[in-house]
Amino acid sequence: MNKLILVTNDDSLHAKGIRELVATAIQFGDVLVVAPNKPQSGMGHAITITKPLRLEPYSGFQEIEAYSCSGTPVDCVKLGIFEVLKRKPDLLLSGINHGENSSTNVLYSGTMSAAIEGAMEGIPSIGFSLADFDSDADFSATKEVAKAIIPKVLKNGLPKNTSLNVNVPKVTFKDLKGIKVCAQAHAYWEDKFDSRLDQFGRPYYWLTGKFSDRDQRVDTDLYHLKRGYATIVPTHFDLTNYTVLNDLKYLDNEGEF
């Protein structure tokens, strides 16, 4: 019996990245696509609760069953599992994202939130991202990385509550050094806002800024990406900082306010 693979993304059904991922995924099983009908980058783990969700058949993948969703990437995962499949797939793939999701970018990423949602449902899940925002980016190296990872995950599974955050540098496949399993770098955005006025004289803002990588460790995703490696960061949704639990015991209160 063929493996069942659910594919989604955050760049929409119309992005080149998801087409390249589907073309790769069909080599390993039966594919169902449920993806947003418009770009949903930066949505993080958002879900739609204030308006109706629409799900419509989509013929853009020819013989592959596909649906266009009006909601977020996480909405797509939920609808794909509970309304379309009526069961959990053997694997969930998200991407290929136009732009990397390394370091703390993972917190904002709709691509990785879809994969993390899959892990929350107990499904082996992988998010793929390429460090190239071009709408016509060359995904050949990322496809080869996916071909190396997907069958191994289908065979061996993943640890409970864990998804894989896979990032690929902007290099040709010939120049790709390999794949490294590593830690997420501690880096962040130094945010700035570009303040402007509209035609009515009302202020509005565009978020800008630059990415600050001050993490000097030699086993992080940013370290290896800069050196031409694809990276795999095992990612989970438990945000507890276990290292400081005991340090904060002074905040415990047995009802004595």
C-alpha atoms as a PDB file:
ATOM      1  CA  MET A   1       0.000   0.000   0.000  1.00  0.00           C
ATOM      2  CA  ASN A   2       1.410   3.383  -1.002  1.00  0.00           C
ATOM      3  CA  LYS A   3       2.283   5.937   1.639  1.00  0.00           C
ATOM      4  CA  LEU A   4      -0.052   8.926   1.863  1.00  0.00           C
ATOM      5  CA  ILE A   5       1.649  12.337   1.830  1.00  0.00           C
ATOM      6  CA  LEU A   6      -0.090  15.643   2.625  1.00  0.00           C
ATOM      7  CA  VAL A   7       1.625  18.680   1.063  1.00  0.00           C
ATOM      8  CA  THR A   8       1.049  22.322   1.978  1.00  0.00           C
ATOM      9  CA  ASN A   9       2.954  25.633   2.103  1.00  0.00           C
ATOM     10  CA  ASP A  10       2.594  29.316   2.964  1.00  0.00           C
ATOM     11  CA  ASP A  11       3.448  30.869  -0.411  1.00  0.00           C
ATOM     12  CA  SER A  12       0.136  29.674  -1.940  1.00  0.00           C
ATOM     13  CA  LEU A  13      -0.851  27.019  -4.453  1.00  0.00           C
ATOM     14  CA  HIS A  14       0.528  29.173  -7.231  1.00  0.00           C
ATOM     15  CA  ALA A  15       4.145  29.282  -5.994  1.00  0.00           C
ATOM     16  CA  LYS A  16       6.901  27.437  -7.810  1.00  0.00           C
ATOM     17  CA  GLY A  17       8.192  25.962  -4.555  1.00  0.00           C
ATOM     18  CA  ILE A  18       5.137  23.819  -3.825  1.00  0.00           C
ATOM     19  CA  ARG A  19       5.088  22.538  -7.399  1.00  0.00           C
ATOM     20  CA  GLU A  20       8.680  21.417  -7.056  1.00  0.00           C
ATOM     21  CA  LEU A  21       7.898  19.743  -3.721  1.00  0.00           C
ATOM     22  CA  VAL A  22       4.894  17.919  -5.157  1.00  0.00           C
ATOM     23  CA  ALA A  23       7.002  16.722  -8.097  1.00  0.00           C
ATOM     24  CA  THR A  24       9.429  15.264  -5.569  1.00  0.00           C
ATOM     25  CA  ALA A  25       6.831  13.845  -3.169  1.00  0.00           C
ATOM     26  CA  ILE A  26       5.008  11.807  -5.839  1.00  0.00           C
ATOM     27  CA  GLN A  27       8.111   9.644  -6.140  1.00  0.00           C
ATOM     28  CA  PHE A  28       7.468   8.326  -2.628  1.00  0.00           C
ATOM     29  CA  GLY A  29       3.714   7.952  -2.296  1.00  0.00           C
ATOM     30  CA  ASP A  30       0.214   9.190  -3.053  1.00  0.00           C
ATOM     31  CA  VAL A  31       0.013  12.958  -2.683  1.00  0.00           C
ATOM     32  CA  LEU A  32      -2.795  15.227  -1.518  1.00  0.00           C
ATOM     33  CA  VAL A  33      -2.304  18.993  -1.691  1.00  0.00           C
ATOM     34  CA  VAL A  34      -4.153  21.441   0.571  1.00  0.00           C
ATOM     35  CA  ALA A  35      -2.601  24.911   0.428  1.00  0.00           C
ATOM     36  CA  PRO A  36      -3.554  28.573   0.787  1.00  0.00           C
ATOM     37  CA  ASN A  37      -5.175  30.381  -2.129  1.00  0.00           C
ATOM     38  CA  LYS A  38      -2.956  33.419  -1.494  1.00  0.00           C
ATOM     39  CA  PRO A  39       0.421  34.066   0.150  1.00  0.00           C
ATOM     40  CA  GLN A  40       0.419  33.533   3.915  1.00  0.00           C
ATOM     41  CA  SER A  41       4.058  34.206   4.773  1.00  0.00           C
ATOM     42  CA  GLY A  42       4.724  35.340   8.331  1.00  0.00           C
ATOM     43  CA  MET A  43       1.438  33.972   9.636  1.00  0.00           C
ATOM     44  CA  GLY A  44       3.165  31.741  12.156  1.00  0.00           C
ATOM     45  CA  HIS A  45       0.759  29.319  13.854  1.00  0.00           C
ATOM     46  CA  ALA A  46      -2.321  31.446  13.215  1.00  0.00           C
ATOM     47  CA  ILE A  47      -5.720  29.830  12.707  1.00  0.00           C
ATOM     48  CA  THR A  48      -8.911  31.332  11.298  1.00  0.00           C
ATOM     49  CA  ILE A  49     -11.660  31.828  13.892  1.00  0.00           C
ATOM     50  CA  THR A  50     -13.396  35.099  12.915  1.00  0.00           C
ATOM     51  CA  LYS A  51     -14.641  34.220   9.424  1.00  0.00           C
ATOM     52  CA  PRO A  52     -15.666  31.143   7.428  1.00  0.00           C
ATOM     53  CA  LEU A  53     -13.030  28.904   5.883  1.00  0.00           C
ATOM     54  CA  ARG A  54     -13.422  28.031   2.204  1.00  0.00           C
ATOM     55  CA  LEU A  55     -12.060  24.854   0.650  1.00  0.00           C
ATOM     56  CA  GLU A  56     -12.361  24.363  -3.102  1.00  0.00           C
ATOM     57  CA  PRO A  57     -11.013  21.749  -5.531  1.00  0.00           C
ATOM     58  CA  TYR A  58      -7.974  22.949  -7.468  1.00  0.00           C
ATOM     59  CA  SER A  59      -6.959  21.524 -10.845  1.00  0.00           C
ATOM     60  CA  GLY A  60      -3.521  23.115 -11.120  1.00  0.00           C
ATOM     61  CA  PHE A  61      -1.658  19.909 -10.263  1.00  0.00           C
ATOM     62  CA  GLN A  62      -3.295  17.915 -13.072  1.00  0.00           C
ATOM     63  CA  GLU A  63      -3.984  14.358 -11.888  1.00  0.00           C
ATOM     64  CA  ILE A  64      -3.061  15.053  -8.243  1.00  0.00           C
ATOM     65  CA  GLU A  65      -5.942  15.753  -5.859  1.00  0.00           C
ATOM     66  CA  ALA A  66      -5.588  19.298  -4.597  1.00  0.00           C
ATOM     67  CA  TYR A  67      -7.616  21.882  -2.698  1.00  0.00           C
ATOM     68  CA  SER A  68      -7.403  25.651  -2.395  1.00  0.00           C
ATOM     69  CA  CYS A  69      -7.944  26.965   1.138  1.00  0.00           C
ATOM     70  CA  SER A  70      -8.882  30.514   2.123  1.00  0.00           C
ATOM     71  CA  GLY A  71      -7.086  30.186   5.455  1.00  0.00           C
ATOM     72  CA  THR A  72      -3.614  29.889   6.938  1.00  0.00           C
ATOM     73  CA  PRO A  73      -1.115  27.032   6.534  1.00  0.00           C
ATOM     74  CA  VAL A  74      -2.236  25.563   9.864  1.00  0.00           C
ATOM     75  CA  ASP A  75      -5.856  25.762   8.698  1.00  0.00           C
ATOM     76  CA  CYS A  76      -4.782  23.815   5.608  1.00  0.00           C
ATOM     77  CA  VAL A  77      -3.278  21.049   7.711  1.00  0.00           C
ATOM     78  CA  LYS A  78      -6.340  20.772   9.930  1.00  0.00           C
ATOM     79  CA  LEU A  79      -8.774  20.720   7.007  1.00  0.00           C
ATOM     80  CA  GLY A  80      -6.605  18.299   5.066  1.00  0.00           C
ATOM     81  CA  ILE A  81      -6.565  15.818   7.936  1.00  0.00           C
ATOM     82  CA  PHE A  82     -10.074  16.104   9.313  1.00  0.00           C
ATOM     83  CA  GLU A  83     -12.237  17.132   6.344  1.00  0.00           C
ATOM     84  CA  VAL A  84     -10.517  15.829   3.223  1.00  0.00           C
ATOM     85  CA  LEU A  85      -8.588  12.720   4.228  1.00  0.00           C
ATOM     86  CA  LYS A  86     -10.667  11.824   7.304  1.00  0.00           C
ATOM     87  CA  ARG A  87      -7.451  10.230   8.592  1.00  0.00           C
ATOM     88  CA  LYS A  88      -3.859  11.126   9.328  1.00  0.00           C
ATOM     89  CA  PRO A  89      -1.362  10.861   6.474  1.00  0.00           C
ATOM     90  CA  ASP A  90       1.899   8.944   6.742  1.00  0.00           C
ATOM     91  CA  LEU A  91       3.902  12.117   6.136  1.00  0.00           C
ATOM     92  CA  LEU A  92       3.329  15.871   6.013  1.00  0.00           C
ATOM     93  CA  LEU A  93       5.532  18.083   3.838  1.00  0.00           C
ATOM     94  CA  SER A  94       5.468  21.882   3.865  1.00  0.00           C
ATOM     95  CA  GLY A  95       7.196  24.175   1.350  1.00  0.00           C
ATOM     96  CA  ILE A  96       9.369  24.566  -0.511  1.00  0.00           C
ATOM     97  CA  ASN A  97       9.459  28.036   0.995  1.00  0.00           C
ATOM     98  CA  HIS A  98      10.819  30.946  -1.022  1.00  0.00           C
ATOM     99  CA  GLY A  99      13.303  32.218   1.586  1.00  0.00           C
ATOM    100  CA  GLU A 100      15.067  30.468   4.450  1.00  0.00           C
ATOM    101  CA  ASN A 101      13.498  29.724   7.821  1.00  0.00           C
ATOM    102  CA  SER A 102      16.668  29.413   9.859  1.00  0.00           C
ATOM    103  CA  SER A 103      17.225  30.560  13.426  1.00  0.00           C
ATOM    104  CA  THR A 104      14.344  32.484  15.061  1.00  0.00           C
ATOM    105  CA  ASN A 105      12.678  32.981  11.683  1.00  0.00           C
ATOM    106  CA  VAL A 106      11.004  29.670  12.461  1.00  0.00           C
ATOM    107  CA  LEU A 107       8.776  31.475  14.984  1.00  0.00           C
ATOM    108  CA  TYR A 108       7.183  33.590  12.259  1.00  0.00           C
ATOM    109  CA  SER A 109       7.115  30.966   9.539  1.00  0.00           C
ATOM    110  CA  GLY A 110       3.838  29.684   8.149  1.00  0.00           C
ATOM    111  CA  THR A 111       5.810  26.944   6.412  1.00  0.00           C
ATOM    112  CA  MET A 112       7.224  25.588   9.655  1.00  0.00           C
ATOM    113  CA  SER A 113       4.024  26.159  11.614  1.00  0.00           C
ATOM    114  CA  ALA A 114       2.289  23.789   9.218  1.00  0.00           C
ATOM    115  CA  ALA A 115       4.989  21.188   9.889  1.00  0.00           C
ATOM    116  CA  ILE A 116       4.776  21.735  13.642  1.00  0.00           C
ATOM    117  CA  GLU A 117       0.988  21.335  13.455  1.00  0.00           C
ATOM    118  CA  GLY A 118       1.593  17.993  11.774  1.00  0.00           C
ATOM    119  CA  ALA A 119       3.900  16.972  14.616  1.00  0.00           C
ATOM    120  CA  MET A 120       1.233  18.002  17.127  1.00  0.00           C
ATOM    121  CA  GLU A 121      -1.081  15.535  15.384  1.00  0.00           C
ATOM    122  CA  GLY A 122       1.529  12.780  15.645  1.00  0.00           C
ATOM    123  CA  ILE A 123       2.465  12.892  11.945  1.00  0.00           C
ATOM    124  CA  PRO A 124       6.109  12.801  10.794  1.00  0.00           C
ATOM    125  CA  SER A 125       6.446  16.302   9.323  1.00  0.00           C
ATOM    126  CA  ILE A 126       9.112  18.214   7.405  1.00  0.00           C
ATOM    127  CA  GLY A 127       9.327  21.862   6.374  1.00  0.00           C
ATOM    128  CA  PHE A 128      11.602  22.707   3.435  1.00  0.00           C
ATOM    129  CA  SER A 129      12.952  26.201   2.740  1.00  0.00           C
ATOM    130  CA  LEU A 130      15.388  27.626   0.198  1.00  0.00           C
ATOM    131  CA  ALA A 131      17.453  30.749   0.910  1.00  0.00           C
ATOM    132  CA  ASP A 132      16.197  32.463  -2.237  1.00  0.00           C
ATOM    133  CA  PHE A 133      13.145  34.743  -2.384  1.00  0.00           C
ATOM    134  CA  ASP A 134      13.018  34.778  -6.195  1.00  0.00           C
ATOM    135  CA  SER A 135       9.626  33.601  -7.471  1.00  0.00           C
ATOM    136  CA  ASP A 136      11.504  31.645 -10.163  1.00  0.00           C
ATOM    137  CA  ALA A 137      14.251  30.326  -7.865  1.00  0.00           C
ATOM    138  CA  ASP A 138      16.298  27.254  -8.757  1.00  0.00           C
ATOM    139  CA  PHE A 139      14.987  24.487  -6.488  1.00  0.00           C
ATOM    140  CA  SER A 140      17.139  21.690  -7.912  1.00  0.00           C
ATOM    141  CA  ALA A 141      19.408  21.431  -4.847  1.00  0.00           C
ATOM    142  CA  THR A 142      16.442  21.509  -2.474  1.00  0.00           C
ATOM    143  CA  LYS A 143      14.720  18.737  -4.417  1.00  0.00           C
ATOM    144  CA  GLU A 144      17.813  16.552  -4.118  1.00  0.00           C
ATOM    145  CA  VAL A 145      17.944  17.222  -0.375  1.00  0.00           C
ATOM    146  CA  ALA A 146      14.257  16.290  -0.120  1.00  0.00           C
ATOM    147  CA  LYS A 147      14.887  13.086  -2.080  1.00  0.00           C
ATOM    148  CA  ALA A 148      17.584  12.151   0.424  1.00  0.00           C
ATOM    149  CA  ILE A 149      15.494  12.895   3.516  1.00  0.00           C
ATOM    150  CA  ILE A 150      11.928  11.840   2.661  1.00  0.00           C
ATOM    151  CA  PRO A 151      12.481   8.077   2.206  1.00  0.00           C
ATOM    152  CA  LYS A 152      14.529   7.878   5.405  1.00  0.00           C
ATOM    153  CA  VAL A 153      11.780   9.581   7.415  1.00  0.00           C
ATOM    154  CA  LEU A 154       9.122   7.370   5.831  1.00  0.00           C
ATOM    155  CA  LYS A 155      11.157   4.313   6.805  1.00  0.00           C
ATOM    156  CA  ASN A 156      12.331   5.338  10.280  1.00  0.00           C
ATOM    157  CA  GLY A 157       9.755   7.899  11.392  1.00  0.00           C
ATOM    158  CA  LEU A 158      10.577  10.787  13.716  1.00  0.00           C
ATOM    159  CA  PRO A 159      10.674  11.124  17.501  1.00  0.00           C
ATOM    160  CA  LYS A 160       7.345  12.001  19.092  1.00  0.00           C
ATOM    161  CA  ASN A 161       6.321  15.675  18.862  1.00  0.00           C
ATOM    162  CA  THR A 162       9.228  16.471  16.519  1.00  0.00           C
ATOM    163  CA  SER A 163       9.242  17.991  13.054  1.00  0.00           C
ATOM    164  CA  LEU A 164      12.245  18.758  10.852  1.00  0.00           C
ATOM    165  CA  ASN A 165      13.164  22.280   9.797  1.00  0.00           C
ATOM    166  CA  VAL A 166      15.198  21.848   6.597  1.00  0.00           C
ATOM    167  CA  ASN A 167      16.967  24.840   5.054  1.00  0.00           C
ATOM    168  CA  VAL A 168      19.015  24.856   1.870  1.00  0.00           C
ATOM    169  CA  PRO A 169      21.510  27.573   0.898  1.00  0.00           C
ATOM    170  CA  LYS A 170      21.296  29.418  -2.401  1.00  0.00           C
ATOM    171  CA  VAL A 171      23.762  27.231  -4.277  1.00  0.00           C
ATOM    172  CA  THR A 172      23.638  24.855  -7.217  1.00  0.00           C
ATOM    173  CA  PHE A 173      23.366  21.166  -6.427  1.00  0.00           C
ATOM    174  CA  LYS A 174      26.941  20.762  -7.654  1.00  0.00           C
ATOM    175  CA  ASP A 175      28.137  23.242  -5.015  1.00  0.00           C
ATOM    176  CA  LEU A 176      26.063  21.852  -2.136  1.00  0.00           C
ATOM    177  CA  LYS A 177      28.498  20.500   0.479  1.00  0.00           C
ATOM    178  CA  GLY A 178      26.091  18.070   2.130  1.00  0.00           C
ATOM    179  CA  ILE A 179      23.505  17.948   4.930  1.00  0.00           C
ATOM    180  CA  LYS A 180      24.067  18.724   8.621  1.00  0.00           C
ATOM    181  CA  VAL A 181      21.785  17.943  11.558  1.00  0.00           C
ATOM    182  CA  CYS A 182      22.348  20.847  13.931  1.00  0.00           C
ATOM    183  CA  ALA A 183      20.931  23.328  16.429  1.00  0.00           C
ATOM    184  CA  GLN A 184      18.905  26.466  15.789  1.00  0.00           C
ATOM    185  CA  ALA A 185      21.058  29.584  15.940  1.00  0.00           C
ATOM    186  CA  HIS A 186      20.331  32.319  18.477  1.00  0.00           C
ATOM    187  CA  ALA A 187      19.836  35.242  16.124  1.00  0.00           C
ATOM    188  CA  TYR A 188      17.115  37.825  15.660  1.00  0.00           C
ATOM    189  CA  TRP A 189      15.832  40.759  13.620  1.00  0.00           C
ATOM    190  CA  GLU A 190      16.819  44.294  14.575  1.00  0.00           C
ATOM    191  CA  ASP A 191      13.457  45.774  13.663  1.00  0.00           C
ATOM    192  CA  LYS A 192      12.909  49.179  12.129  1.00  0.00           C
ATOM    193  CA  PHE A 193       9.834  50.773  10.617  1.00  0.00           C
ATOM    194  CA  ASP A 194       9.759  52.882   7.479  1.00  0.00           C
ATOM    195  CA  SER A 195       7.203  55.604   8.223  1.00  0.00           C
ATOM    196  CA  ARG A 196       5.296  57.022   5.246  1.00  0.00           C
ATOM    197  CA  LEU A 197       2.175  59.052   4.445  1.00  0.00           C
ATOM    198  CA  ASP A 198      -0.652  57.914   2.196  1.00  0.00           C
ATOM    199  CA  GLN A 199      -2.432  60.206  -0.294  1.00  0.00           C
ATOM    200  CA  PHE A 200      -4.678  61.491   2.494  1.00  0.00           C
ATOM    201  CA  GLY A 201      -1.758  62.429   4.729  1.00  0.00           C
ATOM    202  CA  ARG A 202      -2.315  59.539   7.134  1.00  0.00           C
ATOM    203  CA  PRO A 203       0.765  57.723   8.442  1.00  0.00           C
ATOM    204  CA  TYR A 204       1.461  54.091   7.687  1.00  0.00           C
ATOM    205  CA  TYR A 205       4.447  51.812   8.270  1.00  0.00           C
ATOM    206  CA  TRP A 206       6.515  49.142   6.508  1.00  0.00           C
ATOM    207  CA  LEU A 207       8.479  46.764   8.716  1.00  0.00           C
ATOM    208  CA  THR A 208      12.153  46.727   7.710  1.00  0.00           C
ATOM    209  CA  GLY A 209      15.369  46.099   9.631  1.00  0.00           C
ATOM    210  CA  LYS A 210      18.309  43.736   9.357  1.00  0.00           C
ATOM    211  CA  PHE A 211      19.034  40.225  10.566  1.00  0.00           C
ATOM    212  CA  SER A 212      21.585  40.110  13.370  1.00  0.00           C
ATOM    213  CA  ASP A 213      23.597  36.902  13.727  1.00  0.00           C
ATOM    214  CA  ARG A 214      25.635  37.172  16.920  1.00  0.00           C
ATOM    215  CA  ASP A 215      25.694  33.450  17.635  1.00  0.00           C
ATOM    216  CA  GLN A 216      29.298  32.286  17.366  1.00  0.00           C
ATOM    217  CA  ARG A 217      28.625  28.589  17.932  1.00  0.00           C
ATOM    218  CA  VAL A 218      29.946  26.271  15.214  1.00  0.00           C
ATOM    219  CA  ASP A 219      27.074  23.790  15.150  1.00  0.00           C
ATOM    220  CA  THR A 220      24.072  25.915  14.207  1.00  0.00           C
ATOM    221  CA  ASP A 221      21.938  26.190  11.104  1.00  0.00           C
ATOM    222  CA  LEU A 222      23.303  29.637  10.226  1.00  0.00           C
ATOM    223  CA  TYR A 223      26.902  28.465  10.633  1.00  0.00           C
ATOM    224  CA  HIS A 224      26.466  25.532   8.255  1.00  0.00           C
ATOM    225  CA  LEU A 225      24.259  27.385   5.751  1.00  0.00           C
ATOM    226  CA  LYS A 226      26.979  29.999   5.319  1.00  0.00           C
ATOM    227  CA  ARG A 227      29.387  27.190   4.493  1.00  0.00           C
ATOM    228  CA  GLY A 228      27.232  25.635   1.807  1.00  0.00           C
ATOM    229  CA  TYR A 229      25.462  22.881   3.724  1.00  0.00           C
ATOM    230  CA  ALA A 230      21.773  22.132   3.913  1.00  0.00           C
ATOM    231  CA  THR A 231      20.653  22.022   7.543  1.00  0.00           C
ATOM    232  CA  ILE A 232      18.171  19.959   9.522  1.00  0.00           C
ATOM    233  CA  VAL A 233      17.015  21.301  12.882  1.00  0.00           C
ATOM    234  CA  PRO A 234      14.767  18.962  14.903  1.00  0.00           C
ATOM    235  CA  THR A 235      11.976  21.257  16.081  1.00  0.00           C
ATOM    236  CA  HIS A 236       9.253  20.760  18.673  1.00  0.00           C
ATOM    237  CA  PHE A 237       6.385  22.763  20.091  1.00  0.00           C
ATOM    238  CA  ASP A 238       7.187  22.526  23.808  1.00  0.00           C
ATOM    239  CA  LEU A 239       8.406  26.052  24.620  1.00  0.00           C
ATOM    240  CA  THR A 240       9.244  25.271  28.245  1.00  0.00           C
ATOM    241  CA  ASN A 241      12.687  26.491  29.294  1.00  0.00           C
ATOM    242  CA  TYR A 242      13.581  23.442  31.392  1.00  0.00           C
ATOM    243  CA  THR A 243      17.001  24.798  32.369  1.00  0.00           C
ATOM    244  CA  VAL A 244      15.465  27.509  34.580  1.00  0.00           C
ATOM    245  CA  LEU A 245      12.536  25.630  36.136  1.00  0.00           C
ATOM    246  CA  ASN A 246      14.360  25.138  39.423  1.00  0.00           C
ATOM    247  CA  ASP A 247      15.762  28.680  39.339  1.00  0.00           C
ATOM    248  CA  LEU A 248      12.220  30.054  39.344  1.00  0.00           C
ATOM    249  CA  LYS A 249      10.889  27.963  42.215  1.00  0.00           C
ATOM    250  CA  TYR A 250      10.929  31.116  44.331  1.00  0.00           C
ATOM    251  CA  LEU A 251       7.798  32.125  42.387  1.00  0.00           C
ATOM    252  CA  ASP A 252       5.859  29.076  43.601  1.00  0.00           C
ATOM    253  CA  ASN A 253       2.868  29.960  45.762  1.00  0.00           C
ATOM    254  CA  GLU A 254       0.739  27.574  47.824  1.00  0.00           C
ATOM    255  CA  GLY A 255      -2.121  30.033  48.088  1.00  0.00           C
ATOM    256  CA  GLU A 256      -0.443  32.431  50.513  1.00  0.00           C
ATOM    257  CA  PHE A 257      -1.001  35.744  48.746  1.00  0.00           C
END
